[in-house]
């Protein structure tokens, strides 16, 4: 980058100018926000359980998206590997 941009953006200065918070101070800060304190997180069901709950239309849509994702990844990966050589 140019000297002017380097001066303007302070590239020579460290991004981390303070020390990290201690574990308890960090936890207290996170829990002070409404909706976070005393909240128990329950993760979603595993994939086999989720698959059993979707209907036929959702299943068809899911399969078509998987196919598109697969085709796209094959195209993009080939292009990116050629680009990085």
C-alpha atoms as a PDB file:
ATOM      1  CA  UNK A   1       0.000   0.000   0.000  1.00  0.00           C
ATOM      2  CA  UNK A   2       1.007   3.587  -0.504  1.00  0.00           C
ATOM      3  CA  UNK A   3       2.662   5.549   2.293  1.00  0.00           C
ATOM      4  CA  UNK A   4      -0.390   7.816   2.612  1.00  0.00           C
ATOM      5  CA  UNK A   5      -2.740   4.838   2.978  1.00  0.00           C
ATOM      6  CA  UNK A   6      -0.421   3.174   5.487  1.00  0.00           C
ATOM      7  CA  UNK A   7      -0.397   6.351   7.587  1.00  0.00           C
ATOM      8  CA  UNK A   8      -4.146   6.812   7.315  1.00  0.00           C
ATOM      9  CA  UNK A   9      -4.961   3.204   8.252  1.00  0.00           C
ATOM     10  CA  UNK A  10      -2.198   2.872  10.901  1.00  0.00           C
ATOM     11  CA  UNK A  11      -0.877  -0.369   9.408  1.00  0.00           C
ATOM     12  CA  UNK A  12       2.224  -0.166  11.609  1.00  0.00           C
ATOM     13  CA  UNK A  13       0.136  -0.172  14.811  1.00  0.00           C
ATOM     14  CA  UNK A  14      -0.989  -3.410  16.439  1.00  0.00           C
ATOM     15  CA  UNK A  15      -4.681  -4.266  16.140  1.00  0.00           C
ATOM     16  CA  UNK A  16      -4.737  -5.541  19.704  1.00  0.00           C
ATOM     17  CA  UNK A  17      -3.931  -2.585  21.925  1.00  0.00           C
ATOM     18  CA  UNK A  18      -5.472  -4.013  25.096  1.00  0.00           C
ATOM     19  CA  UNK A  19      -5.165  -7.293  26.927  1.00  0.00           C
ATOM     20  CA  UNK A  20      -7.978  -9.854  26.639  1.00  0.00           C
ATOM     21  CA  UNK A  21     -10.617  -9.854  29.364  1.00  0.00           C
ATOM     22  CA  UNK A  22     -10.386 -12.399  32.123  1.00  0.00           C
ATOM     23  CA  UNK A  23     -12.830 -15.311  31.771  1.00  0.00           C
ATOM     24  CA  UNK A  24     -15.215 -14.127  34.516  1.00  0.00           C
ATOM     25  CA  UNK A  25     -15.259 -10.514  33.258  1.00  0.00           C
ATOM     26  CA  UNK A  26     -16.032 -11.735  29.729  1.00  0.00           C
ATOM     27  CA  UNK A  27     -18.811 -14.003  31.002  1.00  0.00           C
ATOM     28  CA  UNK A  28     -20.329 -11.181  33.074  1.00  0.00           C
ATOM     29  CA  UNK A  29     -20.280  -8.850  30.071  1.00  0.00           C
ATOM     30  CA  UNK A  30     -22.009 -11.383  27.805  1.00  0.00           C
ATOM     31  CA  UNK A  31     -24.644 -12.260  30.392  1.00  0.00           C
ATOM     32  CA  UNK A  32     -25.572  -8.638  31.115  1.00  0.00           C
ATOM     33  CA  UNK A  33     -27.414  -8.420  27.791  1.00  0.00           C
ATOM     34  CA  UNK A  34     -31.159  -9.197  27.930  1.00  0.00           C
ATOM     35  CA  UNK A  35     -32.100 -12.617  26.700  1.00  0.00           C
ATOM     36  CA  UNK A  36     -28.686 -14.134  27.418  1.00  0.00           C
ATOM     37  CA  UNK A  37     -28.760 -14.432  31.169  1.00  0.00           C
ATOM     38  CA  UNK A  38     -30.190 -17.726  32.429  1.00  0.00           C
ATOM     39  CA  UNK A  39     -30.685 -19.019  28.871  1.00  0.00           C
ATOM     40  CA  UNK A  40     -30.183 -22.719  28.322  1.00  0.00           C
ATOM     41  CA  UNK A  41     -29.181 -23.561  24.773  1.00  0.00           C
ATOM     42  CA  UNK A  42     -30.738 -26.717  23.359  1.00  0.00           C
ATOM     43  CA  UNK A  43     -29.066 -27.757  20.114  1.00  0.00           C
ATOM     44  CA  UNK A  44     -31.274 -28.878  17.215  1.00  0.00           C
ATOM     45  CA  UNK A  45     -31.961 -32.527  16.545  1.00  0.00           C
ATOM     46  CA  UNK A  46     -29.449 -34.554  14.618  1.00  0.00           C
ATOM     47  CA  UNK A  47     -29.825 -34.848  10.849  1.00  0.00           C
ATOM     48  CA  UNK A  48     -31.598 -38.243  10.814  1.00  0.00           C
ATOM     49  CA  UNK A  49     -34.254 -36.828  13.146  1.00  0.00           C
ATOM     50  CA  UNK A  50     -34.601 -33.711  10.998  1.00  0.00           C
ATOM     51  CA  UNK A  51     -34.922 -35.741   7.779  1.00  0.00           C
ATOM     52  CA  UNK A  52     -37.841 -37.701   9.208  1.00  0.00           C
ATOM     53  CA  UNK A  53     -39.761 -34.497   9.954  1.00  0.00           C
ATOM     54  CA  UNK A  54     -39.629 -32.913   6.463  1.00  0.00           C
ATOM     55  CA  UNK A  55     -42.418 -33.492   3.965  1.00  0.00           C
ATOM     56  CA  UNK A  56     -42.119 -34.736   0.365  1.00  0.00           C
ATOM     57  CA  UNK A  57     -41.961 -31.260  -1.208  1.00  0.00           C
ATOM     58  CA  UNK A  58     -39.185 -30.187   1.160  1.00  0.00           C
ATOM     59  CA  UNK A  59     -37.317 -33.419   0.466  1.00  0.00           C
ATOM     60  CA  UNK A  60     -37.507 -32.853  -3.315  1.00  0.00           C
ATOM     61  CA  UNK A  61     -36.334 -29.263  -2.876  1.00  0.00           C
ATOM     62  CA  UNK A  62     -33.462 -30.466  -0.668  1.00  0.00           C
ATOM     63  CA  UNK A  63     -32.324 -33.006  -3.272  1.00  0.00           C
ATOM     64  CA  UNK A  64     -32.368 -30.410  -6.063  1.00  0.00           C
ATOM     65  CA  UNK A  65     -30.345 -27.978  -3.944  1.00  0.00           C
ATOM     66  CA  UNK A  66     -27.800 -30.710  -3.146  1.00  0.00           C
ATOM     67  CA  UNK A  67     -27.450 -31.430  -6.862  1.00  0.00           C
ATOM     68  CA  UNK A  68     -26.961 -27.749  -7.700  1.00  0.00           C
ATOM     69  CA  UNK A  69     -24.454 -27.368  -4.879  1.00  0.00           C
ATOM     70  CA  UNK A  70     -22.493 -30.389  -6.104  1.00  0.00           C
ATOM     71  CA  UNK A  71     -22.401 -29.130  -9.702  1.00  0.00           C
ATOM     72  CA  UNK A  72     -21.418 -25.629  -8.610  1.00  0.00           C
ATOM     73  CA  UNK A  73     -18.646 -26.872  -6.346  1.00  0.00           C
ATOM     74  CA  UNK A  74     -17.188 -28.950  -9.179  1.00  0.00           C
ATOM     75  CA  UNK A  75     -17.144 -25.950 -11.491  1.00  0.00           C
ATOM     76  CA  UNK A  76     -15.787 -23.468  -8.969  1.00  0.00           C
ATOM     77  CA  UNK A  77     -13.123 -25.794  -7.564  1.00  0.00           C
ATOM     78  CA  UNK A  78     -11.807 -26.556 -11.047  1.00  0.00           C
ATOM     79  CA  UNK A  79     -11.677 -22.839 -11.863  1.00  0.00           C
ATOM     80  CA  UNK A  80     -10.012 -21.950  -8.549  1.00  0.00           C
ATOM     81  CA  UNK A  81      -7.374 -24.673  -8.855  1.00  0.00           C
ATOM     82  CA  UNK A  82      -6.457 -23.399 -12.335  1.00  0.00           C
ATOM     83  CA  UNK A  83      -6.394 -19.822 -11.059  1.00  0.00           C
ATOM     84  CA  UNK A  84      -3.982 -20.603  -8.202  1.00  0.00           C
ATOM     85  CA  UNK A  85      -1.398 -22.418 -10.332  1.00  0.00           C
END
